[in-house]
């Protein structure tokens, strides 16, 4: 077993921001504990100043275990990245241990709170993952968070290229990603990878009345991973994750329901709208796929004007199956809020046998940024509880997990709180449609599937214009991405879900 202490966001300074007694208490626990090494995931200092780095160097020497330290956004303020490398150590590197490797990478941008693993560092990170591909345990550490976090307020500081980074980690079978940044401890399982966020070890800025904490990570020989969030009060939150085996599930029994998931048709008279592609997709849906339900995750039209809505209505009236359409941000520009209701009605929960499909309004006037809001979250929670005996599918426009090949501007402002609530209430499936690229991933017990653009030329999908087909069996969800022009497809994911056997 490998045992790791994970600290973060110490914010060492002579000012009141630093709580030296909390740092000393946690360090004393670590020194007494049976830890193989310690990871500090950044914001060592508060402003990146020389006097702070000099004090941090003294404080960190109190830790009597092998220590890996990487920079945070506060450390690179005031050109502090030069001092970090001079006084603390290299901002990127590799630490090898028995059966495993830790790769740490600098995700900071000088003088900004946002994070990014730029092109050269991304290439370096990929090369290191390939170099150590034979290691049973692969850990990556950076400062910025990869998945939206609860209790953080407005969600805007995830890595800009979080989708590409997440895709890279899953492809290279990274077992653990450790980070800090938002002062909120949290643990998620993303497919077979554990994402471990540490809270703040010794900063006064805790959130929602929390206290200082650090995480204890145990990596077991059988693949189990235990993470304990240990607070200075002595309270602990424990989570254990097991490797999901087998990774390829085989559907058994008859298919219970088939969903076609579309997004970003952006019907208009602009050259970017591919009318023939949409017409071909609709013919495939009617003649070959024959779904039980067609879901459109928003951006029906390119702009909320009557001419575009009239055209979109003509297209989607041709679909023979039952439809559930939620508005995207383009749909409610100009008069679109009223036109959407006039042409397509207000989206309401649909029940089909054992299945409940719950629409969520995330689009807002005149902005691509979405929000569900605290009232919307309460309504969604109530609906999930009300339909808890059914297979629940949540449908919204904005993505709540990062999408590859996209700078993360599509997140919900409250993505962290929405994601936490959805996973806690064990929604069985989430369907989103923002970002112009198809992607599927399972967070905790909930598969989340994003649709690409079905007929808009300005997309980010190397497979072109596509839509998704999602088949649900008694205990398996299978998601395919289908090319809207040629009908060829690729597998997005197969996930084990709630057993629907009578």
Protein backbone atom coordinates (compact mmCIF):
# COMPACT_ATOMS: atom_id res chain seq x y z
CA UNK A 1 0.00 0.00 0.00
CA UNK A 2 1.14 3.53 -0.86
CA UNK A 3 0.07 6.27 1.52
CA UNK A 4 0.12 9.94 0.45
CA UNK A 5 -0.60 13.16 2.33
CA UNK A 6 -2.09 15.81 0.06
CA UNK A 7 -1.90 19.44 1.21
CA UNK A 8 -2.67 22.60 -0.74
CA UNK A 9 -3.22 26.34 -0.57
CA UNK A 10 -1.11 27.14 2.46
CA UNK A 11 -0.91 30.85 1.45
CA UNK A 12 2.13 31.44 3.61
CA UNK A 13 2.61 35.13 4.40
CA UNK A 14 3.18 37.46 7.31
CA UNK A 15 -0.36 38.80 6.88
CA UNK A 16 -3.55 37.54 8.51
CA UNK A 17 -4.35 35.35 5.50
CA UNK A 18 -2.01 32.66 6.87
CA UNK A 19 -3.00 30.50 9.84
CA UNK A 20 0.33 29.22 11.11
CA UNK A 21 -1.20 27.13 13.88
CA UNK A 22 -3.30 25.16 11.36
CA UNK A 23 -0.19 24.52 9.24
CA UNK A 24 1.78 23.30 12.26
CA UNK A 25 -1.07 21.06 13.42
CA UNK A 26 -1.40 19.37 10.04
CA UNK A 27 2.36 19.04 9.57
CA UNK A 28 2.67 17.41 12.98
CA UNK A 29 -0.01 14.87 12.04
CA UNK A 30 1.77 14.15 8.76
CA UNK A 31 5.13 13.70 10.46
CA UNK A 32 3.61 11.24 12.94
CA UNK A 33 1.78 9.37 10.17
CA UNK A 34 3.03 6.52 8.02
CA UNK A 35 3.20 8.43 4.74
CA UNK A 36 5.38 7.52 1.77
CA UNK A 37 5.42 11.09 0.47
CA UNK A 38 3.59 14.43 0.55
CA UNK A 39 2.11 16.42 -2.36
CA UNK A 40 1.59 20.18 -2.12
CA UNK A 41 -0.61 21.26 -5.05
CA UNK A 42 0.17 24.96 -5.05
CA UNK A 43 -0.53 28.40 -3.63
CA UNK A 44 2.38 27.90 -1.30
CA UNK A 45 2.54 31.69 -0.85
CA UNK A 46 -0.11 34.38 -0.83
CA UNK A 47 1.31 36.93 -3.28
CA UNK A 48 4.47 35.37 -4.71
CA UNK A 49 6.71 37.84 -2.86
CA UNK A 50 10.32 37.20 -1.83
CA UNK A 51 9.66 37.47 1.91
CA UNK A 52 6.79 34.97 1.55
CA UNK A 53 8.96 32.51 -0.38
CA UNK A 54 11.71 32.79 2.22
CA UNK A 55 9.25 32.06 5.02
CA UNK A 56 7.65 29.26 2.97
CA UNK A 57 11.05 27.63 2.52
CA UNK A 58 11.47 27.62 6.30
CA UNK A 59 7.93 26.32 6.98
CA UNK A 60 8.08 23.53 4.38
CA UNK A 61 11.26 22.17 5.95
CA UNK A 62 9.13 21.21 8.95
CA UNK A 63 7.70 18.37 6.83
CA UNK A 64 9.93 15.36 7.45
CA UNK A 65 8.70 13.27 4.52
CA UNK A 66 9.61 13.28 0.82
CA UNK A 67 7.84 16.40 -0.48
CA UNK A 68 6.71 17.38 -3.98
CA UNK A 69 5.64 21.01 -4.38
CA UNK A 70 4.13 22.67 -7.43
CA UNK A 71 3.08 26.28 -8.07
CA UNK A 72 -0.38 27.79 -7.79
CA UNK A 73 -1.83 30.96 -9.25
CA UNK A 74 -0.91 33.00 -6.14
CA UNK A 75 2.71 31.80 -6.37
CA UNK A 76 3.18 33.25 -9.88
CA UNK A 77 1.91 36.72 -9.00
CA UNK A 78 4.47 39.52 -9.12
CA UNK A 79 6.72 37.35 -11.33
CA UNK A 80 6.83 34.90 -8.44
CA UNK A 81 7.34 31.98 -10.83
CA UNK A 82 11.03 32.91 -10.96
CA UNK A 83 11.27 32.81 -7.17
CA UNK A 84 9.38 29.51 -7.02
CA UNK A 85 11.94 27.80 -9.23
CA UNK A 86 14.85 29.40 -7.39
CA UNK A 87 13.67 28.80 -3.81
CA UNK A 88 11.17 25.90 -3.93
CA UNK A 89 12.09 23.78 -6.96
CA UNK A 90 11.12 22.86 -10.52
CA UNK A 91 7.50 23.66 -11.51
CA UNK A 92 7.25 20.47 -13.60
CA UNK A 93 8.72 17.08 -12.86
CA UNK A 94 8.51 13.36 -12.21
CA UNK A 95 8.69 11.44 -8.94
CA UNK A 96 8.99 7.66 -9.15
CA UNK A 97 7.88 5.28 -6.41
CA UNK A 98 7.27 1.56 -6.10
CA UNK A 99 4.98 0.42 -8.97
CA UNK A 100 4.09 4.00 -9.77
CA UNK A 101 4.93 7.48 -10.93
CA UNK A 102 3.80 10.99 -10.02
CA UNK A 103 3.97 13.59 -12.79
CA UNK A 104 3.42 17.18 -11.73
CA UNK A 105 2.76 20.03 -14.12
CA UNK A 106 2.50 23.80 -13.76
CA UNK A 107 -1.04 24.88 -14.75
CA UNK A 108 -0.71 28.56 -13.81
CA UNK A 109 -0.95 31.70 -15.94
CA UNK A 110 0.99 34.68 -14.51
CA UNK A 111 -1.25 37.23 -12.80
CA UNK A 112 -4.48 35.32 -13.53
CA UNK A 113 -6.53 32.96 -11.38
CA UNK A 114 -7.36 30.82 -14.42
CA UNK A 115 -5.39 27.74 -15.39
CA UNK A 116 -4.07 26.20 -18.58
CA UNK A 117 -1.77 23.38 -19.60
CA UNK A 118 -0.43 25.00 -22.75
CA UNK A 119 0.64 23.31 -25.97
CA UNK A 120 4.26 22.60 -24.99
CA UNK A 121 3.39 21.42 -21.48
CA UNK A 122 0.54 19.33 -22.85
CA UNK A 123 2.96 17.63 -25.24
CA UNK A 124 5.47 17.10 -22.40
CA UNK A 125 2.75 15.64 -20.19
CA UNK A 126 1.61 13.26 -22.92
CA UNK A 127 5.20 12.14 -23.56
CA UNK A 128 5.71 11.43 -19.86
CA UNK A 129 2.49 9.41 -19.66
CA UNK A 130 3.65 7.39 -22.64
CA UNK A 131 7.14 6.96 -21.18
CA UNK A 132 5.73 5.59 -17.91
CA UNK A 133 2.79 3.74 -19.47
CA UNK A 134 3.94 0.43 -17.97
CA UNK A 135 3.67 1.74 -14.39
CA UNK A 136 0.67 0.29 -12.58
CA UNK A 137 -0.12 3.53 -10.77
CA UNK A 138 0.00 6.83 -12.65
CA UNK A 139 -0.67 10.03 -10.72
CA UNK A 140 -0.82 13.55 -12.17
CA UNK A 141 -0.79 16.65 -9.98
CA UNK A 142 -1.55 20.26 -10.93
CA UNK A 143 -2.97 23.25 -9.12
CA UNK A 144 -6.21 23.86 -11.00
CA UNK A 145 -9.31 21.71 -10.75
CA UNK A 146 -10.46 19.54 -13.63
CA UNK A 147 -14.10 18.92 -12.71
CA UNK A 148 -16.49 21.62 -11.38
CA UNK A 149 -16.59 21.80 -7.58
CA UNK A 150 -19.50 22.47 -5.22
CA UNK A 151 -19.56 25.39 -2.78
CA UNK A 152 -17.22 27.53 -4.85
CA UNK A 153 -19.57 30.28 -6.01
CA UNK A 154 -19.25 31.19 -9.69
CA UNK A 155 -17.51 28.45 -11.68
CA UNK A 156 -14.89 30.09 -13.87
CA UNK A 157 -11.41 28.88 -12.86
CA UNK A 158 -11.32 25.36 -14.23
CA UNK A 159 -8.46 24.69 -16.67
CA UNK A 160 -9.17 26.38 -19.99
CA UNK A 161 -8.41 23.11 -21.80
CA UNK A 162 -9.87 20.84 -19.14
CA UNK A 163 -11.66 18.70 -21.74
CA UNK A 164 -8.46 17.87 -23.59
CA UNK A 165 -6.63 17.18 -20.32
CA UNK A 166 -9.42 14.93 -19.04
CA UNK A 167 -9.48 13.03 -22.34
CA UNK A 168 -5.67 12.60 -22.19
CA UNK A 169 -5.82 11.21 -18.64
CA UNK A 170 -8.60 8.72 -19.44
CA UNK A 171 -6.81 7.49 -22.57
CA UNK A 172 -3.59 6.91 -20.60
CA UNK A 173 -5.33 5.27 -17.64
CA UNK A 174 -4.28 7.82 -15.04
CA UNK A 175 -5.38 6.47 -11.66
CA UNK A 176 -5.37 9.72 -9.68
CA UNK A 177 -5.45 13.44 -10.40
CA UNK A 178 -4.68 15.67 -7.41
CA UNK A 179 -5.28 19.41 -7.31
CA UNK A 180 -6.26 22.31 -5.07
CA UNK A 181 -7.07 25.93 -5.96
CA UNK A 182 -10.68 26.45 -4.86
CA UNK A 183 -10.25 25.79 -1.10
CA UNK A 184 -12.91 23.07 -1.20
CA UNK A 185 -12.08 19.42 -0.47
CA UNK A 186 -13.88 17.03 -2.79
CA UNK A 187 -13.46 13.56 -4.30
CA UNK A 188 -15.04 12.23 -7.50
CA UNK A 189 -14.59 9.04 -9.48
CA UNK A 190 -14.41 9.83 -13.19
CA UNK A 191 -14.59 6.50 -15.02
CA UNK A 192 -11.64 4.63 -13.41
CA UNK A 193 -9.79 7.78 -12.33
CA UNK A 194 -10.14 9.44 -8.94
CA UNK A 195 -10.10 13.25 -8.94
CA UNK A 196 -8.89 14.43 -5.54
CA UNK A 197 -9.30 18.10 -4.61
CA UNK A 198 -7.68 19.29 -1.40
CA UNK A 199 -9.12 22.13 0.64
CA UNK A 200 -6.89 24.81 2.09
CA UNK A 201 -4.34 23.70 4.64
CA UNK A 202 -3.63 26.99 6.37
CA UNK A 203 -5.46 29.88 4.68
CA UNK A 204 -8.22 31.86 6.37
CA UNK A 205 -10.31 31.82 3.19
CA UNK A 206 -12.40 28.69 3.65
CA UNK A 207 -15.82 28.39 2.01
CA UNK A 208 -19.31 27.80 3.38
CA UNK A 209 -18.00 27.89 6.96
CA UNK A 210 -15.54 25.03 6.46
CA UNK A 211 -12.24 24.66 8.34
CA UNK A 212 -8.68 23.86 7.27
CA UNK A 213 -8.01 20.33 6.09
CA UNK A 214 -5.80 17.98 4.12
CA UNK A 215 -6.39 14.69 2.30
CA UNK A 216 -5.02 11.23 3.02
CA UNK A 217 -4.77 8.92 0.00
CA UNK A 218 -4.24 5.17 0.20
CA UNK A 219 -3.43 3.17 -2.95
CA UNK A 220 -3.95 -0.56 -2.45
CA UNK A 221 -2.46 -3.46 -4.40
CA UNK A 222 -5.88 -4.66 -5.57
CA UNK A 223 -6.61 -1.29 -7.21
CA UNK A 224 -8.76 0.13 -4.41
CA UNK A 225 -8.21 3.77 -3.58
CA UNK A 226 -9.27 5.32 -0.29
CA UNK A 227 -9.35 9.07 0.23
CA UNK A 228 -9.95 10.68 3.60
CA UNK A 229 -10.66 14.39 3.92
CA UNK A 230 -9.28 15.15 7.39
CA UNK A 231 -10.16 18.47 8.99
CA UNK A 232 -8.24 20.19 11.80
CA UNK A 233 -11.28 19.58 14.01
CA UNK A 234 -10.62 15.84 13.69
CA UNK A 235 -13.71 15.25 11.51
CA UNK A 236 -13.19 12.95 8.55
CA UNK A 237 -15.05 12.19 5.33
CA UNK A 238 -14.04 8.87 3.79
CA UNK A 239 -14.53 7.71 0.21
CA UNK A 240 -13.43 4.42 -1.32
CA UNK A 241 -13.27 3.63 -5.02
CA UNK A 242 -12.75 0.31 -6.72
CA UNK A 243 -11.53 -0.20 -10.26
CA UNK A 244 -14.50 -0.88 -12.55
CA UNK A 245 -14.00 -4.34 -14.02
CA UNK A 246 -14.82 -5.54 -16.57
CA UNK A 247 -14.57 -2.26 -18.44
CA UNK A 248 -16.56 -3.55 -21.40
CA UNK A 249 -20.11 -4.47 -20.41
CA UNK A 250 -22.25 -6.59 -22.71
CA UNK A 251 -25.93 -5.61 -23.03
CA UNK A 252 -28.28 -8.44 -22.12
CA UNK A 253 -31.99 -8.80 -22.77
CA UNK A 254 -34.13 -6.57 -24.93
CA UNK A 255 -33.52 -2.89 -25.40
CA UNK A 256 -35.89 -0.93 -23.15
CA UNK A 257 -35.67 2.49 -24.77
CA UNK A 258 -33.79 4.24 -27.59
CA UNK A 259 -33.01 7.96 -27.46
CA UNK A 260 -31.71 10.13 -30.28
CA UNK A 261 -29.82 13.10 -28.86
CA UNK A 262 -29.29 16.17 -31.06
CA UNK A 263 -27.94 19.66 -30.49
CA UNK A 264 -26.87 22.86 -32.23
CA UNK A 265 -28.82 22.56 -35.48
CA UNK A 266 -28.72 26.39 -35.60
CA UNK A 267 -31.32 26.64 -38.33
CA UNK A 268 -30.91 29.89 -40.27
CA UNK A 269 -30.35 31.29 -43.76
CA UNK A 270 -26.63 31.73 -43.10
CA UNK A 271 -24.06 29.78 -45.09
CA UNK A 272 -22.95 27.91 -41.96
CA UNK A 273 -26.29 26.12 -41.63
CA UNK A 274 -26.14 22.78 -43.48
CA UNK A 275 -29.74 22.22 -44.48
CA UNK A 276 -29.15 19.00 -46.44
CA UNK A 277 -27.21 17.47 -43.55
CA UNK A 278 -30.12 18.09 -41.17
CA UNK A 279 -32.59 16.68 -43.69
CA UNK A 280 -30.48 13.55 -44.08
CA UNK A 281 -30.20 13.13 -40.30
CA UNK A 282 -33.99 13.38 -39.94
CA UNK A 283 -34.50 10.72 -42.65
CA UNK A 284 -32.07 8.38 -40.83
CA UNK A 285 -33.89 8.94 -37.56
CA UNK A 286 -37.30 8.20 -39.09
CA UNK A 287 -36.41 5.33 -41.41
CA UNK A 288 -33.55 3.46 -39.71
CA UNK A 289 -33.17 4.38 -36.06
CA UNK A 290 -36.85 4.69 -35.04
CA UNK A 291 -36.22 6.00 -31.49
CA UNK A 292 -38.72 6.17 -28.65
CA UNK A 293 -37.75 9.76 -27.95
CA UNK A 294 -35.78 12.48 -29.73
CA UNK A 295 -34.08 14.99 -27.43
CA UNK A 296 -32.70 18.28 -28.70
CA UNK A 297 -30.29 19.90 -26.25
CA UNK A 298 -30.67 23.44 -27.51
CA UNK A 299 -29.59 25.94 -30.15
CA UNK A 300 -32.36 24.93 -32.53
CA UNK A 301 -31.90 28.23 -34.32
CA UNK A 302 -28.95 30.54 -34.88
CA UNK A 303 -30.88 33.53 -33.55
CA UNK A 304 -34.27 34.01 -31.94
CA UNK A 305 -36.15 35.51 -34.87
CA UNK A 306 -39.44 34.32 -36.36
CA UNK A 307 -38.07 33.43 -39.79
CA UNK A 308 -35.58 30.99 -38.27
CA UNK A 309 -38.12 29.52 -35.85
CA UNK A 310 -40.56 28.94 -38.69
CA UNK A 311 -37.90 27.02 -40.64
CA UNK A 312 -36.87 25.01 -37.57
CA UNK A 313 -40.48 24.06 -36.89
CA UNK A 314 -40.83 22.72 -40.45
CA UNK A 315 -37.73 20.56 -40.00
CA UNK A 316 -38.55 19.09 -36.62
CA UNK A 317 -42.22 18.46 -37.40
CA UNK A 318 -40.95 15.85 -39.86
CA UNK A 319 -39.57 13.74 -36.99
CA UNK A 320 -42.13 11.03 -36.27
CA UNK A 321 -40.98 10.13 -32.77
CA UNK A 322 -41.93 11.96 -29.61
CA UNK A 323 -39.72 15.00 -28.96
CA UNK A 324 -38.35 16.87 -25.96
CA UNK A 325 -36.57 20.13 -26.75
CA UNK A 326 -34.79 22.46 -24.31
CA UNK A 327 -33.66 25.96 -25.33
CA UNK A 328 -30.04 26.88 -25.87
CA UNK A 329 -28.54 30.33 -25.53
CA UNK A 330 -29.05 31.14 -29.24
CA UNK A 331 -32.71 30.17 -29.01
CA UNK A 332 -33.59 32.92 -26.53
CA UNK A 333 -31.80 35.85 -28.15
CA UNK A 334 -33.98 38.72 -29.38
CA UNK A 335 -37.63 37.50 -29.24
CA UNK A 336 -36.56 33.88 -28.96
CA UNK A 337 -37.83 33.37 -25.42
CA UNK A 338 -41.41 33.96 -26.59
CA UNK A 339 -40.94 32.31 -29.98
CA UNK A 340 -39.60 29.11 -28.42
CA UNK A 341 -42.77 28.69 -26.36
CA UNK A 342 -44.95 29.61 -29.36
CA UNK A 343 -43.41 27.07 -31.72
CA UNK A 344 -42.21 24.29 -29.41
CA UNK A 345 -44.02 24.82 -26.12
CA UNK A 346 -42.67 24.79 -22.60
CA UNK A 347 -40.49 21.70 -21.96
CA UNK A 348 -42.00 19.48 -19.26
CA UNK A 349 -41.04 16.15 -17.71
CA UNK A 350 -41.90 13.19 -19.92
CA UNK A 351 -42.51 9.69 -18.56
CA UNK A 352 -42.15 6.61 -20.76
CA UNK A 353 -42.73 3.47 -18.73
CA UNK A 354 -39.93 3.21 -16.16
CA UNK A 355 -38.19 6.30 -17.53
CA UNK A 356 -38.51 9.95 -16.54
CA UNK A 357 -36.94 12.67 -18.70
CA UNK A 358 -36.47 15.92 -16.76
CA UNK A 359 -35.71 19.14 -18.70
CA UNK A 360 -33.69 21.92 -17.05
CA UNK A 361 -33.55 25.56 -18.15
CA UNK A 362 -29.89 26.63 -18.21
CA UNK A 363 -29.81 29.23 -21.02
CA UNK A 364 -29.95 32.94 -20.16
CA UNK A 365 -30.67 36.04 -22.21
CA UNK A 366 -27.91 37.26 -24.54
CA UNK A 367 -25.01 35.21 -23.13
CA UNK A 368 -23.48 31.80 -23.89
CA UNK A 369 -22.87 31.28 -20.16
CA UNK A 370 -25.55 29.28 -18.39
CA UNK A 371 -26.96 28.98 -14.90
CA UNK A 372 -29.57 26.80 -13.22
CA UNK A 373 -29.73 28.94 -10.10
CA UNK A 374 -30.47 28.03 -6.51
CA UNK A 375 -34.23 27.87 -7.08
CA UNK A 376 -33.72 25.78 -10.22
CA UNK A 377 -31.49 23.40 -8.26
CA UNK A 378 -34.18 22.96 -5.60
CA UNK A 379 -36.79 22.22 -8.27
CA UNK A 380 -34.49 19.72 -9.97
CA UNK A 381 -33.72 17.98 -6.68
CA UNK A 382 -37.45 17.70 -5.94
CA UNK A 383 -38.10 16.21 -9.39
CA UNK A 384 -35.30 13.66 -8.97
CA UNK A 385 -36.72 12.64 -5.59
CA UNK A 386 -40.26 12.52 -6.98
CA UNK A 387 -39.18 10.18 -9.79
CA UNK A 388 -36.65 8.25 -7.72
CA UNK A 389 -38.34 4.93 -8.53
CA UNK A 390 -37.72 5.51 -12.25
CA UNK A 391 -34.68 5.77 -14.50
CA UNK A 392 -34.12 9.54 -14.40
CA UNK A 393 -32.50 11.48 -17.25
CA UNK A 394 -31.63 15.16 -16.78
CA UNK A 395 -31.63 17.25 -19.96
CA UNK A 396 -30.03 20.69 -20.33
CA UNK A 397 -28.16 22.78 -22.88
CA UNK A 398 -24.93 23.63 -21.07
CA UNK A 399 -22.24 21.05 -20.40
CA UNK A 400 -21.37 20.33 -16.78
CA UNK A 401 -18.16 18.41 -17.48
CA UNK A 402 -15.36 19.71 -19.72
CA UNK A 403 -15.55 18.88 -23.44
CA UNK A 404 -12.40 18.19 -25.54
CA UNK A 405 -11.26 20.72 -28.16
CA UNK A 406 -13.08 23.55 -26.48
CA UNK A 407 -11.99 26.41 -24.26
CA UNK A 408 -14.20 26.12 -21.23
CA UNK A 409 -16.61 29.00 -21.63
CA UNK A 410 -19.68 26.79 -21.75
CA UNK A 411 -19.80 25.74 -18.13
CA UNK A 412 -22.76 26.60 -16.00
CA UNK A 413 -21.88 29.28 -13.49
CA UNK A 414 -23.13 26.87 -10.83
CA UNK A 415 -21.83 23.70 -12.49
CA UNK A 416 -20.16 22.47 -9.31
CA UNK A 417 -23.32 22.62 -7.24
CA UNK A 418 -25.47 21.13 -10.02
CA UNK A 419 -23.02 18.26 -10.60
CA UNK A 420 -22.80 17.50 -6.89
CA UNK A 421 -26.58 17.45 -6.53
CA UNK A 422 -27.05 15.28 -9.62
CA UNK A 423 -24.51 12.71 -8.42
CA UNK A 424 -25.77 12.75 -4.83
CA UNK A 425 -29.36 12.18 -5.94
CA UNK A 426 -28.07 9.50 -8.34
CA UNK A 427 -29.56 10.75 -11.59
CA UNK A 428 -29.17 7.82 -13.96
CA UNK A 429 -28.17 9.83 -17.02
CA UNK A 430 -27.43 13.45 -17.97
CA UNK A 431 -27.67 14.76 -21.54
CA UNK A 432 -26.12 18.12 -22.53
CA UNK A 433 -25.39 19.84 -25.82
CA UNK A 434 -22.99 22.78 -25.65
CA UNK A 435 -19.48 23.05 -27.06
CA UNK A 436 -19.84 21.58 -30.56
CA UNK A 437 -18.25 18.22 -29.74
CA UNK A 438 -19.56 14.83 -28.62
CA UNK A 439 -18.18 13.37 -25.40
CA UNK A 440 -19.28 10.85 -22.81
CA UNK A 441 -17.95 10.20 -19.31
CA UNK A 442 -19.24 8.70 -16.07
CA UNK A 443 -18.94 10.79 -12.89
CA UNK A 444 -19.56 8.67 -9.80
CA UNK A 445 -22.63 6.60 -10.84
CA UNK A 446 -23.99 9.02 -13.46
CA UNK A 447 -23.08 8.88 -17.18
CA UNK A 448 -22.97 12.35 -18.74
CA UNK A 449 -23.21 12.57 -22.55
CA UNK A 450 -22.68 15.73 -24.60
CA UNK A 451 -23.94 16.00 -28.18
CA UNK A 452 -22.01 17.63 -30.99
CA UNK A 453 -23.54 19.88 -33.63
CA UNK A 454 -25.95 18.16 -36.01
CA UNK A 455 -25.96 20.74 -38.83
CA UNK A 456 -23.78 23.78 -38.04
CA UNK A 457 -20.49 24.15 -39.89
CA UNK A 458 -18.74 25.96 -37.03
CA UNK A 459 -18.28 22.96 -34.77
CA UNK A 460 -15.27 21.42 -32.99
CA UNK A 461 -15.80 17.77 -33.87
CA UNK A 462 -13.24 15.89 -36.00
CA UNK A 463 -16.06 13.49 -36.95
CA UNK A 464 -18.06 16.32 -38.53
CA UNK A 465 -21.74 16.94 -37.93
CA UNK A 466 -23.13 14.23 -35.69
CA UNK A 467 -25.90 13.24 -33.33
CA UNK A 468 -25.99 10.57 -30.62
CA UNK A 469 -27.96 7.36 -30.28
CA UNK A 470 -28.38 6.12 -26.71
CA UNK A 471 -29.75 2.64 -26.08
CA UNK A 472 -30.76 1.61 -22.56
CA UNK A 473 -30.97 -2.03 -21.51
CA UNK A 474 -31.85 -3.51 -18.12
CA UNK A 475 -28.55 -2.43 -16.55
CA UNK A 476 -26.47 -0.93 -19.36
CA UNK A 477 -26.40 2.41 -21.21
CA UNK A 478 -24.73 2.38 -24.63
CA UNK A 479 -24.01 5.71 -26.39
CA UNK A 480 -22.99 6.01 -30.04
CA UNK A 481 -22.05 9.06 -32.06
CA UNK A 482 -23.53 8.95 -35.58
CA UNK A 483 -22.28 10.99 -38.55
CA UNK A 484 -25.24 12.99 -39.80
CA UNK A 485 -24.14 12.69 -43.45
CA UNK A 486 -22.93 9.11 -43.86
CA UNK A 487 -24.51 7.28 -40.95
CA UNK A 488 -21.26 5.68 -39.76
CA UNK A 489 -20.70 5.75 -36.01
CA UNK A 490 -18.32 5.37 -33.12
CA UNK A 491 -18.80 4.28 -29.54
CA UNK A 492 -18.90 7.06 -26.95
CA UNK A 493 -19.27 4.78 -23.96
CA UNK A 494 -20.84 1.75 -22.31
CA UNK A 495 -21.78 2.22 -18.66
CA UNK A 496 -23.33 0.02 -16.03
CA UNK A 497 -26.32 1.76 -14.44
CA UNK A 498 -29.30 1.13 -12.19
CA UNK A 499 -30.77 -2.33 -12.81
CA UNK A 500 -34.20 -2.01 -14.40
CA UNK A 501 -35.09 -5.68 -14.15
CA UNK A 502 -38.66 -6.03 -12.76
